[in-house]
Amino acid sequence: MEQEMIKNNQVMITGEVMSDFRYSHRVYGEGFYMTEIAIKRLSDNFDIIPVMISERLIDTKKSYRGQGMGIRVNGQFRSYNRQEEKGNRLVLSVFARELEILDEIPEEKGINKIYLDGYVCKQPIYRKTPLGREIADLLIAVNRSYGKSDYIPCICWGRNARFASDLEIGSHVQIHGRIQSREYVKRLSEGEAERRIAYEVSASEIRIIGGEKYSV
């Protein structure tokens, strides 16, 4: 069962380590730490992806930032709800199951791949940009072992967006794409705002299980 849960949520990323390891929590004596990885896009912009790593996989006391080295991570995209003063906030990160330190930072576009097999758990939101580009937002529930689920926001473009806009809550879908980061401003109160980073899956291919498939 555990192996099946791993197969329905698969991530592979390579990039540059952007921060030293920060302690997150401990489970059954095993310490987990956070860092960020910068992955180069074709556009020469970067996605900055948070990664959670066990102390069993790497020396978390050592700094890999600015050393001219890269890192390859295989794992899963996970979520949890963090309680804040004004409600819950969905927090996302890559949970590393395997990693490898590379001798150098990839000069060309880094690897950024994700595959999800899950269920639509919120009505899709379809809209158009001021320039007429079609977008659809999805929230996908991906089952984890022990009755848990990860809730992954996904964004679809063009004909993928039109296809996704017709999906019903409960639809079983498979999605291939990449993890992207984007900055936005969260208004907290009158005259008060906070700059945040959102993480989502940009879908390049979406398929209904037992049904149709679309890809960009």
N, C-alpha and C. Protein backbone atom coordinates (compact mmCIF):
# COMPACT_ATOMS: atom_id res chain seq x y z
N MET A 1 0.83 -1.20 0.00
CA MET A 1 0.00 0.00 0.00
C MET A 1 0.86 1.26 0.00
N GLU A 2 1.90 1.28 0.86
CA GLU A 2 2.79 2.45 0.94
C GLU A 2 3.43 2.74 -0.41
N GLN A 3 3.85 1.67 -1.12
CA GLN A 3 4.49 1.86 -2.42
C GLN A 3 3.51 2.46 -3.43
N GLU A 4 2.24 2.06 -3.36
CA GLU A 4 1.24 2.61 -4.27
C GLU A 4 1.03 4.10 -3.99
N MET A 5 1.07 4.50 -2.72
CA MET A 5 0.90 5.90 -2.36
C MET A 5 2.07 6.73 -2.86
N ILE A 6 3.27 6.13 -2.93
CA ILE A 6 4.43 6.85 -3.45
C ILE A 6 4.29 7.05 -4.95
N LYS A 7 3.75 6.06 -5.65
CA LYS A 7 3.64 6.12 -7.10
C LYS A 7 2.68 7.20 -7.57
N ASN A 8 1.69 7.56 -6.76
CA ASN A 8 0.70 8.52 -7.22
C ASN A 8 1.12 9.98 -6.99
N ASN A 9 2.34 10.18 -6.48
CA ASN A 9 2.85 11.52 -6.22
C ASN A 9 4.36 11.47 -6.35
N GLN A 10 4.87 11.83 -7.53
CA GLN A 10 6.29 11.68 -7.82
C GLN A 10 6.87 13.00 -8.30
N VAL A 11 8.00 13.39 -7.69
CA VAL A 11 8.68 14.64 -8.04
C VAL A 11 10.14 14.35 -8.32
N MET A 12 10.68 14.98 -9.37
CA MET A 12 12.12 14.98 -9.61
C MET A 12 12.56 16.40 -9.95
N ILE A 13 13.48 16.95 -9.15
CA ILE A 13 13.97 18.30 -9.39
C ILE A 13 15.49 18.32 -9.28
N THR A 14 16.13 19.20 -10.06
CA THR A 14 17.56 19.47 -9.90
C THR A 14 17.76 20.98 -9.95
N GLY A 15 18.67 21.47 -9.13
CA GLY A 15 18.93 22.90 -9.11
C GLY A 15 20.03 23.26 -8.14
N GLU A 16 20.00 24.50 -7.68
CA GLU A 16 21.03 25.03 -6.79
C GLU A 16 20.45 25.22 -5.39
N VAL A 17 21.22 24.81 -4.38
CA VAL A 17 20.80 25.01 -2.99
C VAL A 17 20.92 26.50 -2.66
N MET A 18 19.82 27.09 -2.17
CA MET A 18 19.78 28.54 -1.96
C MET A 18 19.88 28.94 -0.49
N SER A 19 19.77 27.98 0.43
CA SER A 19 19.81 28.35 1.85
C SER A 19 20.40 27.21 2.67
N ASP A 20 20.90 27.55 3.84
CA ASP A 20 21.37 26.52 4.76
C ASP A 20 20.16 25.77 5.33
N PHE A 21 20.41 24.62 5.92
CA PHE A 21 19.32 23.81 6.46
C PHE A 21 18.78 24.44 7.75
N ARG A 22 17.44 24.46 7.84
CA ARG A 22 16.76 24.99 9.03
C ARG A 22 15.95 23.85 9.66
N TYR A 23 16.09 23.68 10.96
CA TYR A 23 15.38 22.61 11.66
C TYR A 23 13.88 22.81 11.54
N SER A 24 13.16 21.71 11.23
CA SER A 24 11.71 21.76 11.12
C SER A 24 11.03 21.02 12.27
N HIS A 25 11.30 19.72 12.38
CA HIS A 25 10.65 18.92 13.43
C HIS A 25 11.36 17.57 13.53
N ARG A 26 10.92 16.78 14.49
CA ARG A 26 11.51 15.45 14.71
C ARG A 26 10.38 14.43 14.84
N VAL A 27 10.54 13.28 14.18
CA VAL A 27 9.56 12.20 14.24
C VAL A 27 10.30 10.91 14.58
N TYR A 28 9.92 10.28 15.70
CA TYR A 28 10.55 9.03 16.13
C TYR A 28 12.07 9.14 16.14
N GLY A 29 12.56 10.27 16.62
CA GLY A 29 14.00 10.47 16.74
C GLY A 29 14.70 10.92 15.49
N GLU A 30 13.98 11.05 14.38
CA GLU A 30 14.58 11.46 13.11
C GLU A 30 14.30 12.93 12.86
N GLY A 31 15.36 13.72 12.66
CA GLY A 31 15.22 15.15 12.45
C GLY A 31 14.98 15.49 10.98
N PHE A 32 14.11 16.48 10.74
CA PHE A 32 13.82 16.94 9.38
C PHE A 32 14.15 18.42 9.28
N TYR A 33 14.71 18.80 8.12
CA TYR A 33 15.21 20.15 7.92
C TYR A 33 14.68 20.71 6.59
N MET A 34 14.59 22.04 6.52
CA MET A 34 14.11 22.71 5.31
C MET A 34 15.25 23.45 4.62
N THR A 35 15.17 23.49 3.29
CA THR A 35 16.03 24.33 2.48
C THR A 35 15.25 24.74 1.25
N GLU A 36 15.83 25.59 0.40
CA GLU A 36 15.20 26.00 -0.85
C GLU A 36 16.13 25.67 -2.01
N ILE A 37 15.54 25.24 -3.12
CA ILE A 37 16.29 24.92 -4.33
C ILE A 37 15.82 25.82 -5.46
N ALA A 38 16.76 26.44 -6.16
CA ALA A 38 16.44 27.29 -7.31
C ALA A 38 16.58 26.46 -8.58
N ILE A 39 15.51 26.45 -9.38
CA ILE A 39 15.48 25.66 -10.62
C ILE A 39 15.29 26.62 -11.79
N LYS A 40 16.19 26.59 -12.73
CA LYS A 40 16.16 27.52 -13.86
C LYS A 40 15.10 27.11 -14.87
N ARG A 41 14.31 28.11 -15.32
CA ARG A 41 13.33 27.89 -16.37
C ARG A 41 13.94 28.17 -17.74
N LEU A 42 13.24 27.81 -18.79
CA LEU A 42 13.68 28.14 -20.15
C LEU A 42 13.76 29.65 -20.35
N SER A 43 12.92 30.39 -19.62
CA SER A 43 12.88 31.85 -19.76
C SER A 43 14.01 32.54 -19.02
N ASP A 44 14.90 31.77 -18.37
CA ASP A 44 16.00 32.27 -17.54
C ASP A 44 15.52 32.81 -16.20
N ASN A 45 14.22 32.75 -15.91
CA ASN A 45 13.75 32.99 -14.56
C ASN A 45 13.96 31.72 -13.74
N PHE A 46 13.70 31.83 -12.44
CA PHE A 46 13.90 30.68 -11.55
C PHE A 46 12.64 30.40 -10.74
N ASP A 47 12.40 29.13 -10.48
CA ASP A 47 11.44 28.73 -9.46
C ASP A 47 12.22 28.38 -8.20
N ILE A 48 11.78 28.92 -7.07
CA ILE A 48 12.42 28.65 -5.78
C ILE A 48 11.51 27.70 -5.01
N ILE A 49 11.94 26.44 -4.86
CA ILE A 49 11.09 25.39 -4.33
C ILE A 49 11.56 24.97 -2.93
N PRO A 50 10.67 24.98 -1.92
CA PRO A 50 11.05 24.50 -0.58
C PRO A 50 11.13 22.98 -0.55
N VAL A 51 12.15 22.46 0.13
CA VAL A 51 12.37 21.02 0.20
C VAL A 51 12.61 20.62 1.65
N MET A 52 11.94 19.56 2.08
CA MET A 52 12.14 19.00 3.42
C MET A 52 13.01 17.74 3.30
N ILE A 53 14.09 17.70 4.10
CA ILE A 53 15.08 16.63 3.97
C ILE A 53 15.37 16.03 5.34
N SER A 54 15.43 14.72 5.40
CA SER A 54 15.79 14.03 6.63
C SER A 54 17.30 14.12 6.87
N GLU A 55 17.67 14.18 8.15
CA GLU A 55 19.10 14.20 8.49
C GLU A 55 19.78 12.89 8.12
N ARG A 56 18.98 11.84 7.81
CA ARG A 56 19.57 10.57 7.37
C ARG A 56 20.13 10.67 5.96
N LEU A 57 19.62 11.62 5.16
CA LEU A 57 19.99 11.69 3.75
C LEU A 57 21.19 12.59 3.47
N ILE A 58 21.48 13.51 4.39
CA ILE A 58 22.54 14.48 4.12
C ILE A 58 23.04 15.06 5.44
N ASP A 59 24.26 15.57 5.44
CA ASP A 59 24.82 16.24 6.61
C ASP A 59 24.19 17.63 6.71
N THR A 60 23.20 17.77 7.57
CA THR A 60 22.47 19.03 7.65
C THR A 60 23.25 20.14 8.36
N LYS A 61 24.39 19.80 8.95
CA LYS A 61 25.24 20.82 9.58
C LYS A 61 26.17 21.49 8.58
N LYS A 62 26.29 20.90 7.39
CA LYS A 62 27.17 21.43 6.36
C LYS A 62 26.40 22.39 5.46
N SER A 63 27.07 23.43 4.98
CA SER A 63 26.45 24.38 4.07
C SER A 63 26.78 24.02 2.62
N TYR A 64 25.77 23.94 1.79
CA TYR A 64 25.96 23.65 0.36
C TYR A 64 25.66 24.89 -0.48
N ARG A 65 25.30 25.98 0.18
CA ARG A 65 24.97 27.21 -0.53
C ARG A 65 26.24 27.90 -1.01
N GLY A 66 26.22 28.32 -2.28
CA GLY A 66 27.35 29.07 -2.82
C GLY A 66 28.60 28.25 -3.02
N GLN A 67 28.47 26.92 -3.06
CA GLN A 67 29.63 26.06 -3.23
C GLN A 67 29.83 25.61 -4.68
N GLY A 68 28.98 26.11 -5.58
CA GLY A 68 29.08 25.72 -6.99
C GLY A 68 28.57 24.33 -7.27
N MET A 69 27.82 23.77 -6.31
CA MET A 69 27.29 22.42 -6.47
C MET A 69 25.78 22.48 -6.68
N GLY A 70 25.27 21.44 -7.30
CA GLY A 70 23.83 21.31 -7.48
C GLY A 70 23.30 20.19 -6.61
N ILE A 71 22.00 19.96 -6.70
CA ILE A 71 21.38 18.88 -5.94
C ILE A 71 20.25 18.30 -6.77
N ARG A 72 20.12 16.98 -6.71
CA ARG A 72 19.02 16.28 -7.37
C ARG A 72 18.16 15.64 -6.28
N VAL A 73 16.86 15.86 -6.35
CA VAL A 73 15.93 15.35 -5.34
C VAL A 73 14.83 14.55 -6.01
N ASN A 74 14.57 13.35 -5.51
CA ASN A 74 13.37 12.58 -5.86
C ASN A 74 12.49 12.50 -4.62
N GLY A 75 11.21 12.75 -4.79
CA GLY A 75 10.34 12.70 -3.64
C GLY A 75 8.89 12.92 -3.99
N GLN A 76 8.18 13.61 -3.09
CA GLN A 76 6.75 13.85 -3.25
C GLN A 76 6.44 15.31 -2.91
N PHE A 77 5.36 15.84 -3.50
CA PHE A 77 4.89 17.19 -3.19
C PHE A 77 3.82 17.05 -2.11
N ARG A 78 4.08 17.59 -0.93
CA ARG A 78 3.19 17.39 0.21
C ARG A 78 2.63 18.71 0.72
N SER A 79 1.51 18.60 1.46
CA SER A 79 0.87 19.79 2.00
C SER A 79 0.47 19.55 3.45
N TYR A 80 0.34 20.65 4.18
CA TYR A 80 -0.30 20.59 5.49
C TYR A 80 -0.92 21.96 5.77
N ASN A 81 -1.93 21.98 6.62
CA ASN A 81 -2.60 23.21 7.01
C ASN A 81 -1.93 23.80 8.25
N ARG A 82 -1.44 25.04 8.12
CA ARG A 82 -0.83 25.72 9.25
C ARG A 82 -1.82 26.73 9.81
N GLN A 83 -2.07 26.66 11.10
CA GLN A 83 -3.01 27.57 11.72
C GLN A 83 -2.37 28.94 11.92
N GLU A 84 -3.07 29.97 11.46
CA GLU A 84 -2.64 31.35 11.65
C GLU A 84 -3.76 32.12 12.33
N GLU A 85 -3.48 33.37 12.67
CA GLU A 85 -4.44 34.16 13.43
C GLU A 85 -5.80 34.25 12.73
N LYS A 86 -5.76 34.37 11.40
CA LYS A 86 -7.00 34.59 10.66
C LYS A 86 -7.41 33.37 9.83
N GLY A 87 -7.09 32.18 10.33
CA GLY A 87 -7.50 30.96 9.63
C GLY A 87 -6.33 30.06 9.29
N ASN A 88 -6.61 29.04 8.47
CA ASN A 88 -5.59 28.08 8.07
C ASN A 88 -4.92 28.51 6.78
N ARG A 89 -3.68 28.12 6.62
CA ARG A 89 -2.93 28.40 5.40
C ARG A 89 -2.32 27.11 4.89
N LEU A 90 -2.53 26.81 3.60
CA LEU A 90 -1.98 25.60 2.99
C LEU A 90 -0.50 25.80 2.72
N VAL A 91 0.33 24.94 3.31
CA VAL A 91 1.78 25.03 3.16
C VAL A 91 2.25 23.83 2.34
N LEU A 92 3.05 24.10 1.30
CA LEU A 92 3.50 23.05 0.38
C LEU A 92 5.02 22.97 0.35
N SER A 93 5.54 21.75 0.21
CA SER A 93 6.98 21.56 0.05
C SER A 93 7.23 20.19 -0.57
N VAL A 94 8.41 20.02 -1.15
CA VAL A 94 8.84 18.72 -1.66
C VAL A 94 9.44 17.93 -0.50
N PHE A 95 8.93 16.73 -0.29
CA PHE A 95 9.47 15.82 0.72
C PHE A 95 10.47 14.89 0.03
N ALA A 96 11.75 15.01 0.40
CA ALA A 96 12.81 14.26 -0.27
C ALA A 96 12.85 12.82 0.22
N ARG A 97 12.82 11.89 -0.72
CA ARG A 97 13.02 10.47 -0.41
C ARG A 97 14.42 10.02 -0.82
N GLU A 98 14.94 10.60 -1.86
CA GLU A 98 16.30 10.32 -2.32
C GLU A 98 16.92 11.64 -2.76
N LEU A 99 18.24 11.78 -2.57
CA LEU A 99 18.90 12.97 -3.09
C LEU A 99 20.35 12.65 -3.44
N GLU A 100 20.88 13.50 -4.30
CA GLU A 100 22.27 13.35 -4.75
C GLU A 100 22.87 14.74 -4.91
N ILE A 101 24.05 14.93 -4.33
CA ILE A 101 24.78 16.18 -4.51
C ILE A 101 25.54 16.10 -5.83
N LEU A 102 25.36 17.11 -6.69
CA LEU A 102 26.00 17.15 -7.99
C LEU A 102 27.27 18.00 -7.91
N ASP A 103 28.26 17.66 -8.74
CA ASP A 103 29.54 18.38 -8.71
C ASP A 103 29.40 19.83 -9.15
N GLU A 104 28.38 20.11 -9.94
CA GLU A 104 28.21 21.48 -10.42
C GLU A 104 26.73 21.78 -10.60
N ILE A 105 26.40 23.06 -10.61
CA ILE A 105 25.03 23.49 -10.82
C ILE A 105 24.69 23.31 -12.29
N PRO A 106 23.55 22.73 -12.62
CA PRO A 106 23.18 22.58 -14.02
C PRO A 106 23.15 23.94 -14.73
N GLU A 107 23.92 24.07 -15.85
CA GLU A 107 24.00 25.35 -16.55
C GLU A 107 22.73 25.62 -17.35
N GLU A 108 22.16 24.57 -17.91
CA GLU A 108 20.94 24.75 -18.70
C GLU A 108 19.73 24.62 -17.77
N LYS A 109 18.56 24.54 -18.35
CA LYS A 109 17.33 24.44 -17.56
C LYS A 109 17.40 23.24 -16.61
N GLY A 110 17.11 23.46 -15.35
CA GLY A 110 17.10 22.37 -14.39
C GLY A 110 15.94 21.43 -14.63
N ILE A 111 16.03 20.22 -14.09
CA ILE A 111 14.93 19.26 -14.19
C ILE A 111 13.86 19.64 -13.17
N ASN A 112 12.63 19.67 -13.62
CA ASN A 112 11.50 20.02 -12.75
C ASN A 112 10.29 19.25 -13.27
N LYS A 113 10.05 18.06 -12.70
CA LYS A 113 8.98 17.19 -13.17
C LYS A 113 8.13 16.72 -12.00
N ILE A 114 6.82 16.65 -12.22
CA ILE A 114 5.92 16.12 -11.21
C ILE A 114 4.81 15.34 -11.87
N TYR A 115 4.42 14.25 -11.22
CA TYR A 115 3.30 13.43 -11.67
C TYR A 115 2.37 13.23 -10.48
N LEU A 116 1.08 13.50 -10.69
CA LEU A 116 0.08 13.34 -9.64
C LEU A 116 -1.06 12.46 -10.14
N ASP A 117 -1.56 11.62 -9.28
CA ASP A 117 -2.75 10.80 -9.54
C ASP A 117 -3.68 11.04 -8.37
N GLY A 118 -4.76 11.78 -8.61
CA GLY A 118 -5.63 12.14 -7.50
C GLY A 118 -7.03 12.51 -7.95
N TYR A 119 -7.71 13.28 -7.12
CA TYR A 119 -9.13 13.56 -7.32
C TYR A 119 -9.40 15.06 -7.19
N VAL A 120 -10.23 15.58 -8.09
CA VAL A 120 -10.64 16.98 -8.01
C VAL A 120 -11.49 17.16 -6.76
N CYS A 121 -11.08 18.06 -5.86
CA CYS A 121 -11.80 18.20 -4.59
C CYS A 121 -12.41 19.59 -4.41
N LYS A 122 -12.38 20.41 -5.47
CA LYS A 122 -12.97 21.74 -5.42
C LYS A 122 -13.40 22.11 -6.84
N GLN A 123 -14.48 22.84 -6.96
CA GLN A 123 -14.96 23.22 -8.28
C GLN A 123 -13.88 24.01 -9.03
N PRO A 124 -13.49 23.58 -10.25
CA PRO A 124 -12.48 24.32 -11.01
C PRO A 124 -12.90 25.78 -11.24
N ILE A 125 -11.93 26.67 -11.23
CA ILE A 125 -12.17 28.09 -11.49
C ILE A 125 -11.55 28.44 -12.83
N TYR A 126 -12.40 28.83 -13.78
CA TYR A 126 -11.96 29.16 -15.14
C TYR A 126 -12.03 30.68 -15.30
N ARG A 127 -11.00 31.25 -15.96
CA ARG A 127 -10.99 32.69 -16.20
C ARG A 127 -10.08 33.00 -17.39
N LYS A 128 -10.08 34.27 -17.78
CA LYS A 128 -9.20 34.73 -18.85
C LYS A 128 -8.38 35.92 -18.35
N THR A 129 -7.13 35.99 -18.83
CA THR A 129 -6.29 37.14 -18.50
C THR A 129 -6.75 38.34 -19.33
N PRO A 130 -6.31 39.56 -18.99
CA PRO A 130 -6.66 40.73 -19.80
C PRO A 130 -6.26 40.59 -21.28
N LEU A 131 -5.26 39.73 -21.54
CA LEU A 131 -4.84 39.50 -22.93
C LEU A 131 -5.57 38.34 -23.58
N GLY A 132 -6.53 37.75 -22.86
CA GLY A 132 -7.35 36.70 -23.43
C GLY A 132 -6.83 35.29 -23.24
N ARG A 133 -5.76 35.12 -22.45
CA ARG A 133 -5.24 33.77 -22.23
C ARG A 133 -6.13 33.03 -21.23
N GLU A 134 -6.46 31.77 -21.53
CA GLU A 134 -7.37 30.98 -20.70
C GLU A 134 -6.60 30.28 -19.58
N ILE A 135 -7.17 30.31 -18.38
CA ILE A 135 -6.56 29.71 -17.19
C ILE A 135 -7.65 28.98 -16.40
N ALA A 136 -7.29 27.84 -15.83
CA ALA A 136 -8.19 27.14 -14.90
C ALA A 136 -7.38 26.70 -13.69
N ASP A 137 -7.94 26.94 -12.50
CA ASP A 137 -7.31 26.53 -11.25
C ASP A 137 -8.00 25.27 -10.74
N LEU A 138 -7.20 24.28 -10.35
CA LEU A 138 -7.71 23.03 -9.79
C LEU A 138 -7.10 22.81 -8.42
N LEU A 139 -7.83 22.12 -7.55
CA LEU A 139 -7.27 21.62 -6.30
C LEU A 139 -7.43 20.11 -6.32
N ILE A 140 -6.29 19.40 -6.26
CA ILE A 140 -6.27 17.95 -6.40
C ILE A 140 -5.91 17.32 -5.05
N ALA A 141 -6.71 16.36 -4.61
CA ALA A 141 -6.42 15.58 -3.40
C ALA A 141 -5.69 14.30 -3.82
N VAL A 142 -4.49 14.11 -3.30
CA VAL A 142 -3.69 12.92 -3.61
C VAL A 142 -3.55 12.11 -2.34
N ASN A 143 -4.00 10.87 -2.38
CA ASN A 143 -4.01 10.03 -1.19
C ASN A 143 -2.60 9.69 -0.72
N ARG A 144 -2.45 9.71 0.59
CA ARG A 144 -1.23 9.27 1.24
C ARG A 144 -1.59 8.09 2.14
N SER A 145 -0.64 7.37 2.66
CA SER A 145 -0.95 6.24 3.53
C SER A 145 -1.55 6.73 4.85
N TYR A 146 -2.13 5.80 5.61
CA TYR A 146 -2.73 6.07 6.92
C TYR A 146 -3.89 7.05 6.84
N GLY A 147 -4.60 7.04 5.71
CA GLY A 147 -5.81 7.83 5.58
C GLY A 147 -5.60 9.32 5.37
N LYS A 148 -4.38 9.75 5.12
CA LYS A 148 -4.09 11.16 4.90
C LYS A 148 -4.14 11.48 3.41
N SER A 149 -4.22 12.78 3.11
CA SER A 149 -4.19 13.24 1.72
C SER A 149 -3.38 14.52 1.64
N ASP A 150 -2.77 14.75 0.48
CA ASP A 150 -2.12 16.02 0.19
C ASP A 150 -3.02 16.78 -0.78
N TYR A 151 -3.16 18.08 -0.55
CA TYR A 151 -4.02 18.92 -1.37
C TYR A 151 -3.14 19.85 -2.20
N ILE A 152 -3.12 19.60 -3.51
CA ILE A 152 -2.16 20.25 -4.40
C ILE A 152 -2.87 21.20 -5.37
N PRO A 153 -2.59 22.51 -5.30
CA PRO A 153 -3.16 23.43 -6.28
C PRO A 153 -2.46 23.27 -7.63
N CYS A 154 -3.25 23.23 -8.70
CA CYS A 154 -2.72 23.08 -10.06
C CYS A 154 -3.29 24.19 -10.94
N ILE A 155 -2.52 24.61 -11.92
CA ILE A 155 -2.98 25.62 -12.86
C ILE A 155 -2.83 25.09 -14.28
N CYS A 156 -3.87 25.27 -15.08
CA CYS A 156 -3.91 24.79 -16.46
C CYS A 156 -4.07 25.98 -17.40
N TRP A 157 -3.53 25.84 -18.62
CA TRP A 157 -3.54 26.94 -19.58
C TRP A 157 -4.16 26.48 -20.90
N GLY A 158 -4.70 27.44 -21.64
CA GLY A 158 -5.17 27.17 -23.00
C GLY A 158 -6.23 26.09 -23.07
N ARG A 159 -6.05 25.14 -23.99
CA ARG A 159 -7.05 24.07 -24.14
C ARG A 159 -7.08 23.16 -22.92
N ASN A 160 -5.95 23.05 -22.19
CA ASN A 160 -5.98 22.33 -20.92
C ASN A 160 -6.95 23.00 -19.95
N ALA A 161 -6.97 24.34 -19.97
CA ALA A 161 -7.87 25.07 -19.08
C ALA A 161 -9.33 24.82 -19.45
N ARG A 162 -9.63 24.80 -20.73
CA ARG A 162 -11.01 24.54 -21.16
C ARG A 162 -11.42 23.12 -20.76
N PHE A 163 -10.51 22.18 -20.96
CA PHE A 163 -10.77 20.79 -20.59
C PHE A 163 -11.00 20.67 -19.08
N ALA A 164 -10.12 21.31 -18.29
CA ALA A 164 -10.21 21.21 -16.84
C ALA A 164 -11.46 21.89 -16.29
N SER A 165 -11.93 22.93 -16.97
CA SER A 165 -13.08 23.69 -16.46
C SER A 165 -14.35 22.84 -16.39
N ASP A 166 -14.40 21.76 -17.17
CA ASP A 166 -15.59 20.89 -17.19
C ASP A 166 -15.50 19.73 -16.19
N LEU A 167 -14.37 19.62 -15.48
CA LEU A 167 -14.23 18.52 -14.52
C LEU A 167 -15.17 18.72 -13.34
N GLU A 168 -15.66 17.61 -12.83
CA GLU A 168 -16.56 17.65 -11.68
C GLU A 168 -15.79 17.27 -10.41
N ILE A 169 -16.30 17.72 -9.28
CA ILE A 169 -15.71 17.32 -8.00
C ILE A 169 -15.78 15.80 -7.88
N GLY A 170 -14.66 15.19 -7.53
CA GLY A 170 -14.59 13.74 -7.45
C GLY A 170 -13.99 13.09 -8.67
N SER A 171 -13.77 13.85 -9.76
CA SER A 171 -13.17 13.29 -10.97
C SER A 171 -11.76 12.77 -10.66
N HIS A 172 -11.46 11.57 -11.16
CA HIS A 172 -10.14 10.95 -10.96
C HIS A 172 -9.25 11.37 -12.12
N VAL A 173 -8.14 12.07 -11.81
CA VAL A 173 -7.29 12.62 -12.86
C VAL A 173 -5.83 12.27 -12.63
N GLN A 174 -5.07 12.28 -13.72
CA GLN A 174 -3.61 12.19 -13.68
C GLN A 174 -3.06 13.45 -14.32
N ILE A 175 -2.04 14.02 -13.69
CA ILE A 175 -1.47 15.29 -14.15
C ILE A 175 0.04 15.17 -14.24
N HIS A 176 0.60 15.59 -15.36
CA HIS A 176 2.04 15.76 -15.52
C HIS A 176 2.33 17.26 -15.64
N GLY A 177 3.42 17.71 -15.04
CA GLY A 177 3.76 19.12 -15.15
C GLY A 177 5.03 19.45 -14.41
N ARG A 178 5.09 20.68 -13.91
CA ARG A 178 6.24 21.12 -13.13
C ARG A 178 5.74 21.95 -11.95
N ILE A 179 6.58 22.07 -10.93
CA ILE A 179 6.25 22.89 -9.77
C ILE A 179 6.75 24.31 -10.03
N GLN A 180 5.91 25.29 -9.82
CA GLN A 180 6.33 26.66 -10.02
C GLN A 180 6.05 27.50 -8.78
N SER A 181 6.84 28.55 -8.64
CA SER A 181 6.66 29.49 -7.54
C SER A 181 6.32 30.86 -8.13
N ARG A 182 5.52 31.63 -7.39
CA ARG A 182 5.20 32.99 -7.82
C ARG A 182 4.93 33.84 -6.59
N GLU A 183 5.33 35.10 -6.67
CA GLU A 183 5.10 36.03 -5.58
C GLU A 183 3.74 36.69 -5.72
N TYR A 184 3.10 36.98 -4.60
CA TYR A 184 1.85 37.72 -4.60
C TYR A 184 1.76 38.53 -3.31
N VAL A 185 0.84 39.48 -3.29
CA VAL A 185 0.65 40.32 -2.11
C VAL A 185 -0.65 39.91 -1.43
N LYS A 186 -0.58 39.52 -0.16
CA LYS A 186 -1.74 39.14 0.63
C LYS A 186 -2.15 40.32 1.50
N ARG A 187 -3.38 40.78 1.29
CA ARG A 187 -3.89 41.89 2.10
C ARG A 187 -4.42 41.33 3.42
N LEU A 188 -3.82 41.76 4.52
CA LEU A 188 -4.16 41.25 5.84
C LEU A 188 -5.25 42.08 6.51
N SER A 189 -5.23 43.38 6.27
CA SER A 189 -6.24 44.27 6.83
C SER A 189 -6.17 45.59 6.07
N GLU A 190 -6.97 46.54 6.47
CA GLU A 190 -6.97 47.84 5.82
C GLU A 190 -5.59 48.49 5.99
N GLY A 191 -4.93 48.70 4.86
CA GLY A 191 -3.63 49.35 4.90
C GLY A 191 -2.48 48.43 5.27
N GLU A 192 -2.74 47.13 5.45
CA GLU A 192 -1.68 46.19 5.82
C GLU A 192 -1.63 45.05 4.81
N ALA A 193 -0.45 44.79 4.27
CA ALA A 193 -0.28 43.73 3.27
C ALA A 193 1.04 43.01 3.52
N GLU A 194 1.13 41.79 3.00
CA GLU A 194 2.33 40.97 3.19
C GLU A 194 2.68 40.28 1.87
N ARG A 195 3.95 40.34 1.51
CA ARG A 195 4.40 39.67 0.29
C ARG A 195 4.66 38.19 0.59
N ARG A 196 4.03 37.31 -0.18
CA ARG A 196 4.17 35.88 0.03
C ARG A 196 4.56 35.18 -1.27
N ILE A 197 4.93 33.90 -1.13
CA ILE A 197 5.24 33.07 -2.30
C ILE A 197 4.25 31.91 -2.34
N ALA A 198 3.61 31.72 -3.48
CA ALA A 198 2.69 30.60 -3.68
C ALA A 198 3.37 29.53 -4.52
N TYR A 199 3.01 28.28 -4.26
CA TYR A 199 3.54 27.15 -5.02
C TYR A 199 2.38 26.39 -5.62
N GLU A 200 2.54 25.97 -6.86
CA GLU A 200 1.47 25.24 -7.55
C GLU A 200 2.10 24.39 -8.64
N VAL A 201 1.30 23.48 -9.19
CA VAL A 201 1.74 22.64 -10.30
C VAL A 201 1.20 23.25 -11.60
N SER A 202 2.10 23.57 -12.51
CA SER A 202 1.70 24.01 -13.85
C SER A 202 1.55 22.77 -14.72
N ALA A 203 0.31 22.46 -15.10
CA ALA A 203 0.02 21.20 -15.79
C ALA A 203 0.34 21.29 -17.28
N SER A 204 1.13 20.35 -17.77
CA SER A 204 1.38 20.25 -19.20
C SER A 204 0.52 19.17 -19.84
N GLU A 205 0.03 18.23 -19.02
CA GLU A 205 -0.84 17.15 -19.51
C GLU A 205 -1.81 16.77 -18.41
N ILE A 206 -3.06 16.60 -18.79
CA ILE A 206 -4.08 16.21 -17.82
C ILE A 206 -4.98 15.15 -18.45
N ARG A 207 -5.27 14.11 -17.69
CA ARG A 207 -6.06 12.99 -18.20
C ARG A 207 -7.09 12.58 -17.16
N ILE A 208 -8.32 12.34 -17.62
CA ILE A 208 -9.31 11.71 -16.76
C ILE A 208 -9.10 10.21 -16.83
N ILE A 209 -9.03 9.54 -15.69
CA ILE A 209 -8.82 8.11 -15.68
C ILE A 209 -10.01 7.43 -16.37
N GLY A 210 -9.68 6.63 -17.40
CA GLY A 210 -10.72 5.98 -18.18
C GLY A 210 -11.35 6.92 -19.20
N GLY A 211 -10.74 8.10 -19.37
CA GLY A 211 -11.34 9.07 -20.30
C GLY A 211 -10.31 9.76 -21.16
N GLU A 212 -10.61 11.02 -21.50
CA GLU A 212 -9.85 11.77 -22.47
C GLU A 212 -8.58 12.35 -21.86
N LYS A 213 -7.63 12.71 -22.72
CA LYS A 213 -6.38 13.32 -22.28
C LYS A 213 -6.12 14.56 -23.11
N TYR A 214 -5.61 15.61 -22.47
CA TYR A 214 -5.17 16.79 -23.19
C TYR A 214 -3.76 17.14 -22.73
N SER A 215 -2.98 17.69 -23.64
CA SER A 215 -1.64 18.14 -23.30
C SER A 215 -1.32 19.38 -24.12
N VAL A 216 -0.43 20.21 -23.59
CA VAL A 216 -0.06 21.43 -24.31
C VAL A 216 0.96 21.10 -25.37
